[in-house]
């Protein structure tokens, strides 16, 4: 599996409850926090849901 580095670049304020829950499930707590995740279909689906709020880099 590939790894990706994802960074939250936009805040959670005024987002739908579903998008906020997705960010919590991914592990984001703060804006501009970066996480490294193994890319699998479940994580890819979560990233796709909130892709407009993330910066995504392949590792």
Protein backbone atom coordinates (compact mmCIF):
# COMPACT_ATOMS: atom_id res chain seq x y z
CA UNK A 1 0.00 0.00 0.00
CA UNK A 2 1.09 3.55 -0.67
CA UNK A 3 1.44 6.18 2.01
CA UNK A 4 0.08 9.71 1.82
CA UNK A 5 0.75 12.81 3.87
CA UNK A 6 -2.42 14.83 4.42
CA UNK A 7 -2.54 18.33 5.89
CA UNK A 8 -5.70 20.12 7.02
CA UNK A 9 -5.47 23.57 5.39
CA UNK A 10 -9.00 24.86 6.02
CA UNK A 11 -10.84 25.01 9.33
CA UNK A 12 -13.82 22.94 10.43
CA UNK A 13 -16.07 25.90 11.23
CA UNK A 14 -19.33 26.08 9.24
CA UNK A 15 -18.83 22.60 7.75
CA UNK A 16 -21.48 19.90 7.70
CA UNK A 17 -21.58 17.47 10.64
CA UNK A 18 -20.64 14.66 8.25
CA UNK A 19 -17.46 16.48 7.15
CA UNK A 20 -16.51 17.30 10.75
CA UNK A 21 -17.00 13.66 11.74
CA UNK A 22 -14.81 12.55 8.83
CA UNK A 23 -12.00 14.85 9.98
CA UNK A 24 -12.22 13.43 13.50
CA UNK A 25 -12.17 9.88 12.09
CA UNK A 26 -9.03 10.72 10.11
CA UNK A 27 -7.43 12.01 13.32
CA UNK A 28 -7.33 15.77 12.75
CA UNK A 29 -7.48 17.99 15.83
CA UNK A 30 -6.07 21.32 14.59
CA UNK A 31 -5.81 23.32 11.39
CA UNK A 32 -2.47 22.82 9.58
CA UNK A 33 -1.92 19.51 11.36
CA UNK A 34 -0.25 16.87 9.15
CA UNK A 35 -0.82 13.12 9.29
CA UNK A 36 0.70 10.18 7.45
CA UNK A 37 -1.72 7.40 6.52
CA UNK A 38 -1.56 4.09 4.70
CA UNK A 39 -3.74 4.48 1.61
CA UNK A 40 -6.50 1.88 1.45
CA UNK A 41 -10.06 2.13 0.06
CA UNK A 42 -11.54 3.25 3.40
CA UNK A 43 -9.03 6.05 3.94
CA UNK A 44 -9.26 7.07 0.27
CA UNK A 45 -13.03 7.47 0.63
CA UNK A 46 -12.59 9.64 3.74
CA UNK A 47 -10.02 11.79 1.96
CA UNK A 48 -12.34 12.19 -1.05
CA UNK A 49 -15.13 13.40 1.25
CA UNK A 50 -13.08 16.33 2.57
CA UNK A 51 -10.51 16.75 -0.24
CA UNK A 52 -11.38 20.44 -0.65
CA UNK A 53 -10.06 21.05 2.88
CA UNK A 54 -6.84 19.01 2.57
CA UNK A 55 -3.43 19.18 0.96
CA UNK A 56 -2.49 15.66 -0.17
CA UNK A 57 1.07 14.48 -0.94
CA UNK A 58 2.22 11.02 -1.97
CA UNK A 59 5.14 9.64 0.00
